[in-house]
Amino acid sequence: MVDVGDDAPDFTAPFVTDEIGPKTLSEHLDEEAPVVLAFFPGAFTSVCTDEMCTFDSELAAFEDVGATIYGVSVDTPFALQEFKAQNDLSFGLVSDTNKELIDAYDVEMDFDDFGYYGLAKRAVFVVDGDGEVTYTWVSDDPGVEPDYDEVEQAAADAA
């Protein structure tokens, strides 16, 4: 698994704002770092919606230290665009339909009871301007949300 001190796995993936287009992490670190990568299992689910909405409500604290938040899931860009719109999220979402990010960050999980495989674990990584991972949090329980104050502090420390 990716750990503190490791180089963050770089990626190019569909990035969802008001529009959809490709984005490469390493090409944006100069202006957006630290970057908070918040992996979540699935759009339109209760805990994931709560998590993304909490990050959105705390966005000012992250912006105060120059941090950028990206939500990451294996949902399609079109589903994420609607999820973003319905929840009025102010930050971008990354679509990992090819499951390359969850593989690179080693945060893949299955929901065997429901027959869903290859979803993202709920996880948070903070990446500094040099592309180094400075904070990690990974949960094996998709019902557990991160400690938002801890993530804010990690972003401030990485700034």
C-alpha atoms as a PDB file:
ATOM      1  CA  MET A   1       0.000   0.000   0.000  1.00  0.00           C
ATOM      2  CA  VAL A   2       1.069   3.592  -0.586  1.00  0.00           C
ATOM      3  CA  ASP A   3       2.485   4.993   2.641  1.00  0.00           C
ATOM      4  CA  VAL A   4       3.765   8.261   4.052  1.00  0.00           C
ATOM      5  CA  GLY A   5       7.048   9.175   2.365  1.00  0.00           C
ATOM      6  CA  ASP A   6       6.246   7.327  -0.867  1.00  0.00           C
ATOM      7  CA  ASP A   7       5.943   9.073  -4.195  1.00  0.00           C
ATOM      8  CA  ALA A   8       2.257   9.391  -4.978  1.00  0.00           C
ATOM      9  CA  PRO A   9       1.296   7.236  -7.941  1.00  0.00           C
ATOM     10  CA  ASP A  10       0.692   9.632 -10.811  1.00  0.00           C
ATOM     11  CA  PHE A  11      -2.422   9.328 -12.912  1.00  0.00           C
ATOM     12  CA  THR A  12      -4.336  10.732 -15.819  1.00  0.00           C
ATOM     13  CA  ALA A  13      -8.066  10.216 -15.505  1.00  0.00           C
ATOM     14  CA  PRO A  14     -11.387  11.833 -16.359  1.00  0.00           C
ATOM     15  CA  PHE A  15     -11.820  14.848 -14.101  1.00  0.00           C
ATOM     16  CA  VAL A  16     -15.298  16.143 -13.410  1.00  0.00           C
ATOM     17  CA  THR A  17     -16.023  19.786 -12.703  1.00  0.00           C
ATOM     18  CA  ASP A  18     -18.857  21.466 -14.584  1.00  0.00           C
ATOM     19  CA  GLU A  19     -17.295  19.744 -17.587  1.00  0.00           C
ATOM     20  CA  ILE A  20     -15.472  16.452 -18.041  1.00  0.00           C
ATOM     21  CA  GLY A  21     -11.890  16.264 -19.249  1.00  0.00           C
ATOM     22  CA  PRO A  22      -8.622  14.459 -18.573  1.00  0.00           C
ATOM     23  CA  LYS A  23      -6.364  15.593 -15.758  1.00  0.00           C
ATOM     24  CA  THR A  24      -2.897  14.430 -14.772  1.00  0.00           C
ATOM     25  CA  LEU A  25      -2.029  14.775 -11.094  1.00  0.00           C
ATOM     26  CA  SER A  26       1.667  15.620 -11.552  1.00  0.00           C
ATOM     27  CA  GLU A  27       0.900  18.418 -14.027  1.00  0.00           C
ATOM     28  CA  HIS A  28      -1.150  20.302 -11.431  1.00  0.00           C
ATOM     29  CA  LEU A  29       0.848  19.913  -8.227  1.00  0.00           C
ATOM     30  CA  ASP A  30       2.591  23.273  -8.641  1.00  0.00           C
ATOM     31  CA  GLU A  31      -0.652  25.218  -8.398  1.00  0.00           C
ATOM     32  CA  GLU A  32      -2.891  22.831  -6.449  1.00  0.00           C
ATOM     33  CA  ALA A  33      -0.728  21.145  -3.806  1.00  0.00           C
ATOM     34  CA  PRO A  34      -1.221  19.943  -1.295  1.00  0.00           C
ATOM     35  CA  VAL A  35      -3.811  17.684  -2.879  1.00  0.00           C
ATOM     36  CA  VAL A  36      -6.255  15.666  -0.796  1.00  0.00           C
ATOM     37  CA  LEU A  37      -7.312  12.491  -2.613  1.00  0.00           C
ATOM     38  CA  ALA A  38     -10.522  11.299  -0.959  1.00  0.00           C
ATOM     39  CA  PHE A  39     -11.400   7.834  -2.299  1.00  0.00           C
ATOM     40  CA  PHE A  40     -15.003   6.725  -1.785  1.00  0.00           C
ATOM     41  CA  PRO A  41     -16.863   3.531  -2.752  1.00  0.00           C
ATOM     42  CA  GLY A  42     -19.782   4.941  -4.716  1.00  0.00           C
ATOM     43  CA  ALA A  43     -21.705   8.050  -5.626  1.00  0.00           C
ATOM     44  CA  PHE A  44     -25.298   8.386  -4.429  1.00  0.00           C
ATOM     45  CA  THR A  45     -24.776   6.202  -1.362  1.00  0.00           C
ATOM     46  CA  SER A  46     -25.522   7.634   2.060  1.00  0.00           C
ATOM     47  CA  VAL A  47     -22.098   7.546   3.705  1.00  0.00           C
ATOM     48  CA  CYS A  48     -20.274   8.624   0.527  1.00  0.00           C
ATOM     49  CA  THR A  49     -22.676  11.516   0.060  1.00  0.00           C
ATOM     50  CA  ASP A  50     -22.175  12.538   3.686  1.00  0.00           C
ATOM     51  CA  GLU A  51     -18.392  12.359   3.288  1.00  0.00           C
ATOM     52  CA  MET A  52     -18.219  14.402   0.085  1.00  0.00           C
ATOM     53  CA  CYS A  53     -20.677  16.971   1.461  1.00  0.00           C
ATOM     54  CA  THR A  54     -18.616  17.266   4.655  1.00  0.00           C
ATOM     55  CA  PHE A  55     -15.451  17.868   2.635  1.00  0.00           C
ATOM     56  CA  ASP A  56     -17.390  20.508   0.707  1.00  0.00           C
ATOM     57  CA  SER A  57     -18.620  22.221   3.871  1.00  0.00           C
ATOM     58  CA  GLU A  58     -15.034  22.232   5.197  1.00  0.00           C
ATOM     59  CA  LEU A  59     -13.588  23.420   1.880  1.00  0.00           C
ATOM     60  CA  ALA A  60     -12.701  26.906   3.155  1.00  0.00           C
ATOM     61  CA  ALA A  61     -10.345  25.423   5.761  1.00  0.00           C
ATOM     62  CA  PHE A  62      -8.523  23.503   3.031  1.00  0.00           C
ATOM     63  CA  GLU A  63      -8.411  26.501   0.701  1.00  0.00           C
ATOM     64  CA  ASP A  64      -6.989  28.628   3.536  1.00  0.00           C
ATOM     65  CA  VAL A  65      -3.834  26.487   3.431  1.00  0.00           C
ATOM     66  CA  GLY A  66      -3.830  26.275  -0.369  1.00  0.00           C
ATOM     67  CA  ALA A  67      -5.028  22.656  -0.493  1.00  0.00           C
ATOM     68  CA  THR A  68      -7.157  21.126  -3.248  1.00  0.00           C
ATOM     69  CA  ILE A  69      -9.608  18.273  -2.738  1.00  0.00           C
ATOM     70  CA  TYR A  70     -10.337  15.586  -5.334  1.00  0.00           C
ATOM     71  CA  GLY A  71     -13.005  12.967  -4.670  1.00  0.00           C
ATOM     72  CA  VAL A  72     -12.122   9.656  -6.361  1.00  0.00           C
ATOM     73  CA  SER A  73     -14.417   6.732  -7.179  1.00  0.00           C
ATOM     74  CA  VAL A  74     -14.893   4.091  -9.855  1.00  0.00           C
ATOM     75  CA  ASP A  75     -18.165   5.677 -10.954  1.00  0.00           C
ATOM     76  CA  THR A  76     -18.443   6.893 -14.542  1.00  0.00           C
ATOM     77  CA  PRO A  77     -17.666  10.557 -15.218  1.00  0.00           C
ATOM     78  CA  PHE A  78     -21.310  11.124 -16.151  1.00  0.00           C
ATOM     79  CA  ALA A  79     -22.583   9.681 -12.867  1.00  0.00           C
ATOM     80  CA  LEU A  80     -20.028  11.762 -10.965  1.00  0.00           C
ATOM     81  CA  GLN A  81     -21.083  14.891 -12.841  1.00  0.00           C
ATOM     82  CA  GLU A  82     -24.682  14.344 -11.726  1.00  0.00           C
ATOM     83  CA  PHE A  83     -23.566  13.457  -8.173  1.00  0.00           C
ATOM     84  CA  LYS A  84     -21.544  16.686  -8.066  1.00  0.00           C
ATOM     85  CA  ALA A  85     -24.484  18.733  -9.363  1.00  0.00           C
ATOM     86  CA  GLN A  86     -27.090  17.189  -7.060  1.00  0.00           C
ATOM     87  CA  ASN A  87     -24.908  17.772  -4.003  1.00  0.00           C
ATOM     88  CA  ASP A  88     -23.605  21.173  -5.145  1.00  0.00           C
ATOM     89  CA  LEU A  89     -19.995  20.071  -4.603  1.00  0.00           C
ATOM     90  CA  SER A  90     -17.422  22.812  -5.157  1.00  0.00           C
ATOM     91  CA  PHE A  91     -14.447  20.536  -5.809  1.00  0.00           C
ATOM     92  CA  GLY A  92     -13.625  18.167  -8.654  1.00  0.00           C
ATOM     93  CA  LEU A  93     -14.199  14.434  -8.799  1.00  0.00           C
ATOM     94  CA  VAL A  94     -11.994  11.854 -10.500  1.00  0.00           C
ATOM     95  CA  SER A  95     -13.504   8.913 -12.352  1.00  0.00           C
ATOM     96  CA  ASP A  96     -11.481   5.715 -12.002  1.00  0.00           C
ATOM     97  CA  THR A  97     -13.648   3.451 -14.163  1.00  0.00           C
ATOM     98  CA  ASN A  98     -10.555   1.539 -15.280  1.00  0.00           C
ATOM     99  CA  LYS A  99      -9.707   0.961 -11.610  1.00  0.00           C
ATOM    100  CA  GLU A 100      -6.110   2.041 -12.159  1.00  0.00           C
ATOM    101  CA  LEU A 101      -6.050   4.450  -9.217  1.00  0.00           C
ATOM    102  CA  ILE A 102      -7.557   2.072  -6.691  1.00  0.00           C
ATOM    103  CA  ASP A 103      -4.997  -0.484  -7.855  1.00  0.00           C
ATOM    104  CA  ALA A 104      -2.054   1.958  -7.734  1.00  0.00           C
ATOM    105  CA  TYR A 105      -3.027   3.222  -4.267  1.00  0.00           C
ATOM    106  CA  ASP A 106      -3.981  -0.328  -3.155  1.00  0.00           C
ATOM    107  CA  VAL A 107      -7.426   0.653  -1.923  1.00  0.00           C
ATOM    108  CA  GLU A 108      -9.621  -1.809  -3.797  1.00  0.00           C
ATOM    109  CA  MET A 109     -12.393  -3.661  -1.990  1.00  0.00           C
ATOM    110  CA  ASP A 110     -15.289  -5.922  -2.848  1.00  0.00           C
ATOM    111  CA  PHE A 111     -18.824  -5.964  -1.531  1.00  0.00           C
ATOM    112  CA  ASP A 112     -19.290  -9.721  -1.849  1.00  0.00           C
ATOM    113  CA  ASP A 113     -22.719  -9.722  -0.175  1.00  0.00           C
ATOM    114  CA  PHE A 114     -24.037  -7.406  -2.884  1.00  0.00           C
ATOM    115  CA  GLY A 115     -22.077  -8.839  -5.801  1.00  0.00           C
ATOM    116  CA  TYR A 116     -20.070  -5.637  -6.364  1.00  0.00           C
ATOM    117  CA  TYR A 117     -16.370  -5.999  -6.985  1.00  0.00           C
ATOM    118  CA  GLY A 118     -13.514  -3.581  -7.483  1.00  0.00           C
ATOM    119  CA  LEU A 119     -14.759  -0.530  -5.593  1.00  0.00           C
ATOM    120  CA  ALA A 120     -12.642   1.995  -3.731  1.00  0.00           C
ATOM    121  CA  LYS A 121     -12.122   1.651  -0.017  1.00  0.00           C
ATOM    122  CA  ARG A 122     -12.850   4.820   1.880  1.00  0.00           C
ATOM    123  CA  ALA A 123      -9.370   6.323   2.030  1.00  0.00           C
ATOM    124  CA  VAL A 124      -7.591   9.683   2.129  1.00  0.00           C
ATOM    125  CA  PHE A 125      -4.111  10.554   0.886  1.00  0.00           C
ATOM    126  CA  VAL A 126      -2.469  13.971   1.115  1.00  0.00           C
ATOM    127  CA  VAL A 127       0.130  14.704  -1.562  1.00  0.00           C
ATOM    128  CA  ASP A 128       2.536  17.629  -1.247  1.00  0.00           C
ATOM    129  CA  GLY A 129       3.976  19.808  -4.013  1.00  0.00           C
ATOM    130  CA  ASP A 130       6.867  17.410  -4.563  1.00  0.00           C
ATOM    131  CA  GLY A 131       4.478  14.529  -5.222  1.00  0.00           C
ATOM    132  CA  GLU A 132       5.203  12.874  -1.882  1.00  0.00           C
ATOM    133  CA  VAL A 133       2.470  11.278   0.197  1.00  0.00           C
ATOM    134  CA  THR A 134       2.456  13.031   3.572  1.00  0.00           C
ATOM    135  CA  TYR A 135      -0.671  11.487   5.105  1.00  0.00           C
ATOM    136  CA  THR A 136      -2.680   8.300   4.680  1.00  0.00           C
ATOM    137  CA  TRP A 137      -5.901   7.003   6.154  1.00  0.00           C
ATOM    138  CA  VAL A 138      -7.570   3.837   4.895  1.00  0.00           C
ATOM    139  CA  SER A 139     -10.642   2.113   6.304  1.00  0.00           C
ATOM    140  CA  ASP A 140     -11.676  -1.483   5.730  1.00  0.00           C
ATOM    141  CA  ASP A 141     -15.147  -0.466   6.940  1.00  0.00           C
ATOM    142  CA  PRO A 142     -16.958   1.587   4.279  1.00  0.00           C
ATOM    143  CA  GLY A 143     -19.275   2.966   6.969  1.00  0.00           C
ATOM    144  CA  VAL A 144     -16.457   4.826   8.723  1.00  0.00           C
ATOM    145  CA  GLU A 145     -15.644   8.375   7.657  1.00  0.00           C
ATOM    146  CA  PRO A 146     -12.229   9.990   8.076  1.00  0.00           C
ATOM    147  CA  ASP A 147     -11.379  12.364  10.914  1.00  0.00           C
ATOM    148  CA  TYR A 148     -11.877  15.608   8.988  1.00  0.00           C
ATOM    149  CA  ASP A 149      -9.919  17.716  11.507  1.00  0.00           C
ATOM    150  CA  GLU A 150      -6.983  15.321  11.152  1.00  0.00           C
ATOM    151  CA  VAL A 151      -7.133  15.575   7.346  1.00  0.00           C
ATOM    152  CA  GLU A 152      -7.275  19.391   7.551  1.00  0.00           C
ATOM    153  CA  GLN A 153      -4.216  19.385   9.800  1.00  0.00           C
ATOM    154  CA  ALA A 154      -2.390  17.024   7.457  1.00  0.00           C
ATOM    155  CA  ALA A 155      -3.137  19.346   4.525  1.00  0.00           C
ATOM    156  CA  ALA A 156      -1.900  22.336   6.534  1.00  0.00           C
ATOM    157  CA  ASP A 157       1.288  20.460   7.462  1.00  0.00           C
ATOM    158  CA  ALA A 158       1.900  19.588   3.783  1.00  0.00           C
ATOM    159  CA  ALA A 159       1.453  23.180   2.602  1.00  0.00           C
END
